[in-house]
Amino acid sequence: MADVIQVIVEYADWLYVLCGLGVLVYLRAVLEARRERNTAIFTLEREAASSRAARSLVGMFVFISLAGSVFFVEEMLAPRLPEAVEQDDEAAIKTVFLITPTSDLATATPLVASPTPEPSATATRRPRPTLPPPTATPLPMAACSSIAQITSPRVGAVLSGQVSIFGTAAAPDFNFYKIEYHREGEPAEAWHSISDIHKNQVVNGLLDTWDVSGFPPGNYRLKLTVVDITGNYPPQNRCEVPVVISG
């Protein structure tokens, strides 16, 4: 507000000149409108002239009021401005340097004795019984006779590398025994020998060794055949075991 008053006071002379020019312009318009109204013949012309005269009077009074406002600010408000500024400065200084008393009294905290916790009964845990580790179920042996029996490898065994074949090949009229294999998917008569024939009987011992390295992985059948002196091998003289060769 003080800045606005200072601007009005600084440009008061120019504002008076502007207001005077405005009053003169509208005064001239009022006089011309009245002259036209007096010389008008028609009613419509007289009404238009009267309307212009009224508007010009309003504009003239606006400039007169503006000049009066400038005079009021310059003569009444501006002289009081330094006093108001000094009062505001004194109030600000008092506010800045106002000392707020503080209390130095310390708040005493009452000491409360903590209750001693009573020992609680501890439950005795019973030891859990130790379960024996699970054991792998052994693979079954092929159901063969005592004349021709393969005890290892067993049914469904997974083979790789050098495989030792154990079992029994013995008969009263024994001539020789042989071990062959058959791959699943080949013709039924496609049996292949893993080695030469054996002339000696074996009871619960090593029958032969089979190297399956390089064999295609898949399902195979291993067969032991005991041949008698007549060259025959009845069903009880044969034993087959299904096995799997891994890759």
Protein backbone atom coordinates (compact mmCIF):
# COMPACT_ATOMS: atom_id res chain seq x y z
CA MET A 1 0.00 0.00 0.00
CA ALA A 2 2.83 2.41 0.84
CA ASP A 3 4.39 1.79 -2.58
CA VAL A 4 1.12 2.70 -4.34
CA ILE A 5 0.83 5.94 -2.36
CA GLN A 6 4.42 6.88 -3.20
CA VAL A 7 3.78 6.29 -6.93
CA ILE A 8 0.62 8.47 -6.85
CA VAL A 9 2.46 11.28 -5.05
CA GLU A 10 5.40 11.07 -7.47
CA TYR A 11 3.17 11.34 -10.57
CA ALA A 12 0.50 13.63 -9.05
CA ASP A 13 1.20 16.52 -11.45
CA TRP A 14 0.79 14.33 -14.52
CA LEU A 15 -2.39 12.85 -13.09
CA TYR A 16 -3.83 16.37 -12.58
CA VAL A 17 -3.00 17.26 -16.18
CA LEU A 18 -4.62 14.03 -17.44
CA CYS A 19 -7.75 14.64 -15.38
CA GLY A 20 -7.96 18.27 -16.60
CA LEU A 21 -7.73 17.19 -20.23
CA GLY A 22 -10.40 14.57 -19.66
CA VAL A 23 -12.73 17.13 -18.06
CA LEU A 24 -12.23 19.55 -20.97
CA VAL A 25 -12.88 16.86 -23.59
CA TYR A 26 -16.11 15.71 -21.95
CA LEU A 27 -17.20 19.33 -21.25
CA ARG A 28 -16.88 20.10 -24.94
CA ALA A 29 -18.88 16.97 -25.76
CA VAL A 30 -21.63 18.10 -23.34
CA LEU A 31 -21.85 21.54 -24.93
CA GLU A 32 -22.01 20.12 -28.46
CA ALA A 33 -24.69 17.60 -27.45
CA ARG A 34 -26.83 20.37 -25.91
CA ARG A 35 -26.45 22.56 -28.99
CA GLU A 36 -27.51 19.66 -31.24
CA ARG A 37 -30.49 18.98 -28.97
CA ASN A 38 -31.62 22.61 -29.16
CA THR A 39 -31.33 22.74 -32.94
CA ALA A 40 -32.80 19.26 -33.59
CA ILE A 41 -36.13 19.08 -35.42
CA PHE A 42 -37.07 15.47 -34.81
CA THR A 43 -37.67 13.86 -31.44
CA LEU A 44 -35.27 10.98 -32.18
CA GLU A 45 -32.42 13.42 -32.81
CA ARG A 46 -33.14 15.26 -29.56
CA GLU A 47 -33.13 11.98 -27.60
CA ALA A 48 -29.79 10.91 -29.13
CA ALA A 49 -28.25 14.30 -28.30
CA SER A 50 -29.54 14.10 -24.72
CA SER A 51 -28.03 10.60 -24.35
CA ARG A 52 -24.62 11.81 -25.55
CA ALA A 53 -24.78 14.75 -23.17
CA ALA A 54 -25.53 12.44 -20.23
CA ARG A 55 -22.64 10.09 -21.08
CA SER A 56 -20.28 13.02 -21.43
CA LEU A 57 -21.35 14.37 -18.02
CA VAL A 58 -20.61 10.96 -16.46
CA GLY A 59 -17.13 10.89 -18.03
CA MET A 60 -16.45 14.43 -16.85
CA PHE A 61 -17.42 13.56 -13.26
CA VAL A 62 -15.18 10.45 -13.41
CA PHE A 63 -12.13 12.57 -14.19
CA ILE A 64 -13.14 15.10 -11.51
CA SER A 65 -13.41 12.23 -8.98
CA LEU A 66 -10.02 10.87 -10.05
CA ALA A 67 -8.44 14.29 -9.51
CA GLY A 68 -10.08 14.50 -6.07
CA SER A 69 -8.69 11.06 -5.16
CA VAL A 70 -5.17 12.11 -6.16
CA PHE A 71 -5.53 15.26 -4.06
CA PHE A 72 -6.73 13.22 -1.05
CA VAL A 73 -3.81 10.80 -1.29
CA GLU A 74 -1.27 13.58 -1.76
CA GLU A 75 -2.51 15.85 1.03
CA MET A 76 -3.96 13.39 3.60
CA LEU A 77 -2.33 9.96 3.30
CA ALA A 78 1.18 10.77 2.11
CA PRO A 79 2.12 12.93 5.18
CA ARG A 80 1.14 10.05 7.52
CA LEU A 81 3.15 7.43 5.64
CA PRO A 82 6.50 7.92 7.50
CA GLU A 83 4.78 7.53 10.90
CA ALA A 84 3.11 4.28 9.83
CA VAL A 85 6.41 2.92 8.50
CA GLU A 86 8.21 3.80 11.74
CA GLN A 87 5.51 2.07 13.81
CA ASP A 88 5.76 -1.06 11.66
CA ASP A 89 9.56 -1.10 12.06
CA GLU A 90 9.31 -0.73 15.84
CA ALA A 91 6.79 -3.59 16.01
CA ALA A 92 9.06 -5.79 13.90
CA ILE A 93 12.07 -5.02 16.13
CA LYS A 94 10.10 -5.86 19.26
CA THR A 95 8.98 -9.12 17.72
CA VAL A 96 12.52 -10.13 16.76
CA PHE A 97 14.08 -9.33 20.11
CA LEU A 98 11.26 -10.73 22.21
CA ILE A 99 12.79 -13.09 24.79
CA THR A 100 10.79 -16.14 25.69
CA PRO A 101 11.55 -17.36 29.19
CA THR A 102 12.40 -21.01 29.42
CA SER A 103 11.99 -23.26 32.37
CA ASP A 104 15.13 -24.82 33.86
CA LEU A 105 13.20 -27.18 36.03
CA ALA A 106 14.05 -30.77 35.29
CA THR A 107 11.24 -33.24 35.32
CA ALA A 108 11.96 -35.96 37.80
CA THR A 109 11.33 -39.44 36.55
CA PRO A 110 10.10 -41.75 39.28
CA LEU A 111 12.09 -44.92 39.63
CA VAL A 112 9.96 -48.02 39.45
CA ALA A 113 11.44 -51.32 40.53
CA SER A 114 11.18 -53.91 37.78
CA PRO A 115 9.58 -57.12 38.94
CA THR A 116 11.93 -60.08 39.00
CA PRO A 117 10.70 -62.68 36.51
CA GLU A 118 9.89 -65.99 38.05
CA PRO A 119 11.56 -69.03 36.51
CA SER A 120 9.18 -70.96 34.32
CA ALA A 121 9.08 -74.67 34.02
CA THR A 122 10.87 -75.95 30.94
CA ALA A 123 9.19 -78.78 29.16
CA THR A 124 11.45 -81.77 28.60
CA ARG A 125 11.51 -82.82 24.98
CA ARG A 126 11.43 -86.48 24.27
CA PRO A 127 13.98 -87.65 21.73
CA ARG A 128 12.48 -88.59 18.41
CA PRO A 129 13.02 -92.15 17.31
CA THR A 130 15.69 -92.48 14.65
CA LEU A 131 14.29 -94.07 11.54
CA PRO A 132 16.58 -96.34 9.56
CA PRO A 133 17.59 -94.99 6.15
CA PRO A 134 15.55 -96.34 3.28
CA THR A 135 17.16 -99.22 1.47
CA ALA A 136 16.98 -99.77 -2.25
CA THR A 137 14.86 -102.69 -3.35
CA PRO A 138 17.15 -105.24 -5.04
CA LEU A 139 16.35 -106.18 -8.60
CA PRO A 140 14.87 -109.66 -9.04
CA MET A 141 16.78 -112.51 -10.63
CA ALA A 142 15.52 -114.23 -13.73
CA ALA A 143 13.34 -117.26 -13.03
CA CYS A 144 15.49 -119.96 -14.60
CA SER A 145 16.41 -123.57 -13.83
CA SER A 146 19.48 -124.76 -11.96
CA ILE A 147 21.02 -125.92 -15.26
CA ALA A 148 21.15 -122.47 -16.88
CA GLN A 149 20.99 -119.56 -14.43
CA ILE A 150 22.14 -115.89 -14.72
CA THR A 151 22.44 -114.33 -11.26
CA SER A 152 24.08 -111.09 -12.42
CA PRO A 153 23.11 -108.80 -14.05
CA ARG A 154 19.58 -108.99 -12.76
CA VAL A 155 16.27 -108.19 -14.43
CA GLY A 156 16.11 -104.52 -15.55
CA ALA A 157 19.73 -103.74 -14.63
CA VAL A 158 21.28 -100.69 -16.34
CA LEU A 159 24.61 -101.62 -17.95
CA SER A 160 27.60 -99.64 -19.15
CA GLY A 161 31.25 -100.39 -19.90
CA GLN A 162 32.60 -103.85 -18.98
CA VAL A 163 29.85 -106.10 -17.57
CA SER A 164 30.68 -109.31 -15.68
CA ILE A 165 28.09 -112.06 -16.12
CA PHE A 166 27.73 -114.49 -13.21
CA GLY A 167 25.64 -117.61 -12.87
CA THR A 168 25.52 -121.38 -13.46
CA ALA A 169 25.92 -123.46 -16.64
CA ALA A 170 26.05 -127.17 -15.72
CA ALA A 171 24.21 -130.33 -16.84
CA PRO A 172 24.74 -134.15 -16.64
CA ASP A 173 25.15 -134.36 -20.44
CA PHE A 174 26.94 -130.99 -20.73
CA ASN A 175 28.72 -130.18 -23.99
CA PHE A 176 29.19 -126.35 -24.00
CA TYR A 177 27.38 -123.08 -23.23
CA LYS A 178 27.13 -119.76 -25.03
CA ILE A 179 25.88 -116.26 -24.16
CA GLU A 180 24.05 -114.08 -26.71
CA TYR A 181 22.23 -110.75 -26.79
CA HIS A 182 19.24 -109.40 -28.70
CA ARG A 183 18.41 -105.73 -29.23
CA GLU A 184 14.80 -104.60 -28.99
CA GLY A 185 13.36 -103.77 -32.40
CA GLU A 186 15.43 -106.32 -34.31
CA PRO A 187 13.94 -109.53 -35.78
CA ALA A 188 13.16 -112.19 -33.18
CA GLU A 189 15.80 -114.56 -34.54
CA ALA A 190 18.55 -111.91 -34.54
CA TRP A 191 20.73 -113.11 -31.63
CA HIS A 192 24.41 -112.15 -31.46
CA SER A 193 27.16 -113.98 -29.52
CA ILE A 194 29.21 -111.87 -27.12
CA SER A 195 32.18 -114.32 -27.34
CA ASP A 196 33.14 -117.89 -28.30
CA ILE A 197 31.48 -120.97 -26.83
CA HIS A 198 32.67 -122.24 -23.43
CA LYS A 199 33.52 -125.93 -22.94
CA ASN A 200 33.79 -125.89 -19.14
CA GLN A 201 30.87 -125.99 -16.76
CA VAL A 202 30.43 -123.14 -14.25
CA VAL A 203 28.53 -123.28 -10.96
CA ASN A 204 27.83 -119.92 -9.30
CA GLY A 205 30.80 -118.28 -10.98
CA LEU A 206 31.90 -115.97 -13.76
CA LEU A 207 30.31 -117.01 -17.02
CA ASP A 208 31.67 -114.30 -19.33
CA THR A 209 32.50 -110.59 -19.70
CA TRP A 210 30.49 -108.33 -22.00
CA ASP A 211 31.83 -104.98 -23.21
CA VAL A 212 28.80 -102.77 -23.98
CA SER A 213 30.87 -99.66 -24.75
CA GLY A 214 29.71 -98.22 -28.05
CA PHE A 215 26.40 -100.09 -28.03
CA PRO A 216 23.38 -97.93 -28.87
CA PRO A 217 21.37 -97.22 -25.72
CA GLY A 218 18.12 -99.09 -25.35
CA ASN A 219 16.51 -102.32 -24.18
CA TYR A 220 18.32 -105.63 -24.68
CA ARG A 221 17.88 -109.30 -23.75
CA LEU A 222 20.80 -111.40 -22.49
CA LYS A 223 20.51 -115.19 -23.04
CA LEU A 224 22.47 -118.14 -21.62
CA THR A 225 22.14 -121.44 -23.53
CA VAL A 226 23.52 -124.79 -22.27
CA VAL A 227 23.91 -127.35 -25.10
CA ASP A 228 24.04 -131.10 -24.33
CA ILE A 229 26.11 -133.77 -26.06
CA THR A 230 23.30 -134.43 -28.54
CA GLY A 231 23.35 -130.78 -29.66
CA ASN A 232 19.98 -130.04 -28.13
CA TYR A 233 19.02 -127.33 -25.61
CA PRO A 234 15.56 -127.88 -24.12
CA PRO A 235 13.74 -124.94 -22.45
CA GLN A 236 15.27 -125.65 -19.02
CA ASN A 237 18.70 -125.23 -20.62
CA ARG A 238 18.00 -121.58 -21.52
CA CYS A 239 17.85 -118.43 -19.37
CA GLU A 240 16.97 -114.90 -20.59
CA VAL A 241 17.41 -111.63 -18.66
CA PRO A 242 16.06 -108.24 -19.90
CA VAL A 243 18.58 -105.40 -19.33
CA VAL A 244 19.08 -101.76 -20.35
CA ILE A 245 22.22 -100.28 -21.88
CA SER A 246 22.68 -96.62 -20.99
CA GLY A 247 24.05 -94.00 -23.37
